[in-house]
Amino acid sequence: MPINCIAIDDDPNSLENLNSYLAKIPDLQLVKSFTDPLQALTDISSADTVDIIFMDIEMPALSGIELAKLLRKKTKHLIFTTAHSKYALDAFNVAADGYLLKPYSLIHFSEAINNLYPNENPLNDELLEESFSVQLRENTSEAVEIVFNELVLFEQINEMVYFRTTSGNYMSFKLNFNKIVELLRKHPAFIQVNSSAIISKLHVKSFLGDQIVLTGGLSTSLASKYKESFVLFVKQNLMQQN
């Protein structure tokens, strides 16, 4: 059965990007899009309820937060798409189901949909099965394939770098820590939490004080420099669990 969607964003380029993502996920169907929030309010108020409304926040005449309060009953699910993380709490207060921070990737978009329809979005699992190969020793062909959705923690301790995965642990003193961090930063499933560690969002189990507990009993500390982005992720995750 089609999942009917409406998109509201005053930026045509953002709408085009969203539409291209919708087209890649089975059953998602964009029934209408708006660049004018006032027009969206008029049309949606008199129309049938839809499954998902994707809504920008900073728009002229009427903000997405204000518009959401007026239209929340017209959609089963509400996902904000914005370039500003400062609105996360406001989004939570209008019962948003998700918060996509621009520029968001196809994987991040797919994760948000998968939280709402876990049995109807095969794209997410397919994308997260992507992997990368790393050479653990210099002047040798020995390499290991690291699957993104199995990687729990990547960290540096003294001169050694460690890949902690669900299937095993790998270490090397030849790898460039910063290069691997840059690779993982481009993947929306990972987030840096201190100067020596980057973790998988998929494997966060609990968070208390400055300690993050991960799958397999692994843990790492959260540094103040990275606290804002990690707390935002936690807020997003809590919203998507509602």
Protein backbone atom coordinates (compact mmCIF):
# COMPACT_ATOMS: atom_id res chain seq x y z
CA MET A 1 0.00 0.00 0.00
CA PRO A 2 1.44 3.44 -0.91
CA ILE A 3 2.67 5.69 1.87
CA ASN A 4 1.35 9.11 0.88
CA CYS A 5 3.69 12.02 1.56
CA ILE A 6 3.56 15.82 1.40
CA ALA A 7 6.64 18.03 1.32
CA ILE A 8 6.74 21.68 2.43
CA ASP A 9 9.90 23.71 1.86
CA ASP A 10 10.44 27.20 0.49
CA ASP A 11 13.68 26.03 -1.17
CA PRO A 12 12.94 24.33 -4.54
CA ASN A 13 16.35 22.62 -4.49
CA SER A 14 15.57 21.01 -1.13
CA LEU A 15 12.24 19.81 -2.49
CA GLU A 16 13.94 18.32 -5.53
CA ASN A 17 16.47 16.51 -3.34
CA LEU A 18 13.71 15.13 -1.10
CA ASN A 19 11.70 13.98 -4.11
CA SER A 20 14.71 12.08 -5.47
CA TYR A 21 15.04 10.24 -2.14
CA LEU A 22 11.33 9.43 -2.02
CA ALA A 23 11.61 7.90 -5.48
CA LYS A 24 14.30 5.49 -4.29
CA ILE A 25 12.26 3.92 -1.46
CA PRO A 26 9.47 1.50 -2.35
CA ASP A 27 5.90 2.53 -1.47
CA LEU A 28 6.71 6.18 -0.70
CA GLN A 29 4.61 8.44 -2.87
CA LEU A 30 4.82 12.24 -3.00
CA VAL A 31 1.24 13.41 -3.54
CA LYS A 32 1.94 17.14 -3.31
CA SER A 33 4.68 19.63 -2.53
CA PHE A 34 4.57 23.28 -1.48
CA THR A 35 7.04 26.16 -1.42
CA ASP A 36 4.49 28.49 0.19
CA PRO A 37 3.55 27.52 3.78
CA LEU A 38 0.31 29.56 3.67
CA GLN A 39 -0.81 27.71 0.56
CA ALA A 40 0.12 24.44 2.24
CA LEU A 41 -2.03 25.37 5.24
CA THR A 42 -5.03 26.16 3.04
CA ASP A 43 -4.82 23.04 0.89
CA ILE A 44 -3.90 20.50 3.58
CA SER A 45 -6.51 21.77 6.04
CA SER A 46 -9.30 20.82 3.63
CA ALA A 47 -7.74 17.57 2.38
CA ASP A 48 -7.67 14.01 3.71
CA THR A 49 -5.07 12.90 6.23
CA VAL A 50 -1.76 11.74 4.78
CA ASP A 51 0.88 9.36 6.12
CA ILE A 52 3.91 11.67 6.32
CA ILE A 53 4.47 15.41 6.06
CA PHE A 54 8.07 16.55 5.54
CA MET A 55 8.37 20.16 6.64
CA ASP A 56 11.09 22.79 6.65
CA ILE A 57 11.22 25.06 9.72
CA GLU A 58 12.57 28.43 8.61
CA MET A 59 10.05 29.65 6.00
CA PRO A 60 8.62 33.10 5.20
CA ALA A 61 5.24 34.23 6.58
CA LEU A 62 4.75 31.10 8.69
CA SER A 63 7.42 28.98 10.35
CA GLY A 64 7.40 25.21 10.18
CA ILE A 65 6.86 25.00 13.95
CA GLU A 66 3.78 27.23 13.71
CA LEU A 67 2.52 25.36 10.66
CA ALA A 68 3.04 22.02 12.37
CA LYS A 69 0.82 23.04 15.29
CA LEU A 70 -1.97 23.79 12.81
CA LEU A 71 -1.54 20.68 10.66
CA ARG A 72 -0.37 17.99 13.10
CA LYS A 73 -3.75 16.25 13.05
CA LYS A 74 -3.67 16.04 9.25
CA THR A 75 -0.76 13.59 9.16
CA LYS A 76 0.12 10.34 10.89
CA HIS A 77 3.80 11.25 10.96
CA LEU A 78 5.68 14.55 10.91
CA ILE A 79 9.35 14.86 9.96
CA PHE A 80 11.14 18.20 10.06
CA THR A 81 13.85 18.94 7.49
CA THR A 82 16.02 21.90 8.46
CA ALA A 83 19.53 23.27 8.30
CA HIS A 84 19.37 24.34 11.96
CA SER A 85 19.82 22.02 14.93
CA LYS A 86 18.56 24.65 17.39
CA TYR A 87 14.94 23.73 16.69
CA ALA A 88 15.17 20.13 17.96
CA LEU A 89 13.36 20.87 21.23
CA ASP A 90 10.62 22.85 19.45
CA ALA A 91 10.13 19.92 17.09
CA PHE A 92 9.78 17.56 20.02
CA ASN A 93 7.12 19.81 21.53
CA VAL A 94 4.89 19.50 18.46
CA ALA A 95 5.18 15.69 18.49
CA ALA A 96 7.54 15.36 15.56
CA ASP A 97 8.51 11.81 14.58
CA GLY A 98 11.84 12.76 13.08
CA TYR A 99 14.32 15.57 12.51
CA LEU A 100 16.52 15.52 9.40
CA LEU A 101 19.37 18.01 9.55
CA LYS A 102 20.28 19.39 6.12
CA PRO A 103 22.21 18.37 4.17
CA TYR A 104 21.06 14.86 5.01
CA SER A 105 22.07 11.78 3.03
CA LEU A 106 19.94 9.06 1.48
CA ILE A 107 21.02 6.69 4.25
CA HIS A 108 19.98 9.14 6.98
CA PHE A 109 16.65 9.72 5.20
CA SER A 110 16.11 5.98 4.90
CA GLU A 111 16.85 5.48 8.60
CA ALA A 112 14.12 8.00 9.50
CA ILE A 113 11.60 6.18 7.32
CA ASN A 114 12.69 2.80 8.65
CA ASN A 115 11.95 3.95 12.21
CA LEU A 116 8.35 4.65 11.15
CA TYR A 117 7.89 1.63 8.87
CA PRO A 118 10.47 -0.98 9.93
CA ASN A 119 9.00 -3.73 7.73
CA GLU A 120 8.50 -1.68 4.59
CA ASN A 121 11.87 -0.13 3.85
CA PRO A 122 14.42 -2.59 2.44
CA LEU A 123 16.74 0.17 1.25
CA ASN A 124 18.08 0.97 4.71
CA ASP A 125 19.53 -2.48 5.42
CA GLU A 126 20.98 -2.68 1.93
CA LEU A 127 22.84 0.60 2.30
CA LEU A 128 24.14 -0.18 5.76
CA GLU A 129 25.71 -3.39 4.48
CA GLU A 130 28.29 -1.32 2.58
CA SER A 131 31.83 -1.83 3.72
CA PHE A 132 35.39 -0.60 3.34
CA SER A 133 38.67 -2.44 3.21
CA VAL A 134 41.67 -1.60 5.41
CA GLN A 135 45.23 -2.86 5.24
CA LEU A 136 46.36 -3.74 8.75
CA ARG A 137 50.05 -4.19 8.00
CA GLU A 138 52.45 -2.29 5.79
CA ASN A 139 54.01 -4.01 2.75
CA THR A 140 51.52 -6.86 2.80
CA SER A 141 48.35 -7.78 0.96
CA GLU A 142 46.64 -8.72 4.23
CA ALA A 143 43.46 -6.69 4.58
CA VAL A 144 40.18 -6.88 6.44
CA GLU A 145 36.72 -5.86 5.23
CA ILE A 146 34.91 -3.65 7.76
CA VAL A 147 31.13 -3.67 7.31
CA PHE A 148 29.56 -0.36 8.36
CA ASN A 149 26.63 -1.86 10.28
CA GLU A 150 28.98 -4.19 12.21
CA LEU A 151 31.43 -1.48 13.26
CA VAL A 152 30.69 -0.44 16.85
CA LEU A 153 33.67 1.72 17.78
CA PHE A 154 36.78 3.04 16.06
CA GLU A 155 39.38 4.46 18.43
CA GLN A 156 43.03 5.32 18.87
CA ILE A 157 44.94 4.31 22.00
CA ASN A 158 48.53 5.53 22.09
CA GLU A 159 49.95 4.57 18.68
CA MET A 160 47.42 1.83 17.94
CA VAL A 161 44.07 2.15 16.18
CA TYR A 162 41.29 -0.31 16.89
CA PHE A 163 38.20 -1.40 14.97
CA ARG A 164 35.71 -2.87 17.47
CA THR A 165 33.04 -4.76 15.53
CA THR A 166 30.22 -7.16 16.36
CA SER A 167 32.19 -9.99 14.79
CA GLY A 168 35.68 -9.26 16.12
CA ASN A 169 38.35 -6.69 16.93
CA TYR A 170 41.15 -5.52 14.64
CA MET A 171 44.13 -3.32 15.41
CA SER A 172 46.96 -1.64 13.56
CA PHE A 173 49.69 0.90 14.23
CA LYS A 174 50.15 1.70 10.53
CA LEU A 175 46.76 3.24 9.76
CA ASN A 176 46.17 6.99 9.72
CA PHE A 177 43.55 7.61 12.40
CA ASN A 178 42.39 10.94 10.98
CA LYS A 179 41.81 9.52 7.49
CA ILE A 180 39.54 6.78 8.84
CA VAL A 181 37.67 9.33 10.97
CA GLU A 182 37.06 11.48 7.89
CA LEU A 183 35.70 8.43 6.06
CA LEU A 184 33.32 7.58 8.90
CA ARG A 185 32.19 11.19 9.33
CA LYS A 186 30.75 11.05 5.82
CA HIS A 187 28.55 8.13 6.84
CA PRO A 188 25.41 9.24 8.77
CA ALA A 189 25.48 6.18 11.03
CA PHE A 190 28.64 7.40 12.81
CA ILE A 191 29.40 10.25 15.18
CA GLN A 192 32.62 11.42 16.82
CA VAL A 193 32.43 11.60 20.61
CA ASN A 194 35.98 12.52 21.60
CA SER A 195 39.31 13.29 19.94
CA SER A 196 40.23 9.59 19.87
CA ALA A 197 36.94 7.81 19.14
CA ILE A 198 34.07 7.69 16.68
CA ILE A 199 31.08 5.42 17.35
CA SER A 200 28.14 3.89 15.53
CA LYS A 201 24.75 5.45 16.32
CA LEU A 202 23.23 2.04 15.64
CA HIS A 203 25.07 0.50 18.59
CA VAL A 204 24.48 3.10 21.33
CA LYS A 205 22.83 1.36 24.29
CA SER A 206 22.87 3.98 27.04
CA PHE A 207 24.28 7.37 27.95
CA LEU A 208 24.92 8.63 31.49
CA GLY A 209 27.05 11.61 32.42
CA ASP A 210 30.04 11.49 30.10
CA GLN A 211 29.97 7.72 29.51
CA ILE A 212 28.44 6.08 26.42
CA VAL A 213 27.75 2.35 26.57
CA LEU A 214 27.75 0.45 23.28
CA THR A 215 26.90 -3.00 21.97
CA GLY A 216 28.98 -5.78 23.51
CA GLY A 217 29.62 -3.87 26.72
CA LEU A 218 32.04 -1.47 25.06
CA SER A 219 32.14 2.07 26.40
CA THR A 220 33.80 5.38 25.67
CA SER A 221 33.75 8.90 27.07
CA LEU A 222 31.96 11.94 25.63
CA ALA A 223 34.13 15.05 25.42
CA SER A 224 32.58 18.51 25.87
CA LYS A 225 33.65 19.53 22.35
CA TYR A 226 31.35 16.86 20.86
CA LYS A 227 28.56 16.97 23.44
CA GLU A 228 26.19 19.25 21.48
CA SER A 229 26.07 17.05 18.38
CA PHE A 230 25.73 13.85 20.42
CA VAL A 231 22.92 15.26 22.58
CA LEU A 232 21.14 16.33 19.39
CA PHE A 233 21.42 12.77 18.10
CA VAL A 234 19.96 11.47 21.38
CA LYS A 235 17.03 13.90 21.11
CA GLN A 236 16.40 12.84 17.51
CA ASN A 237 16.50 9.20 18.48
CA LEU A 238 14.04 9.73 21.33
CA MET A 239 11.65 11.52 18.98
CA GLN A 240 11.82 8.71 16.46
CA GLN A 241 11.10 6.15 19.18
CA ASN A 242 7.79 7.85 20.17
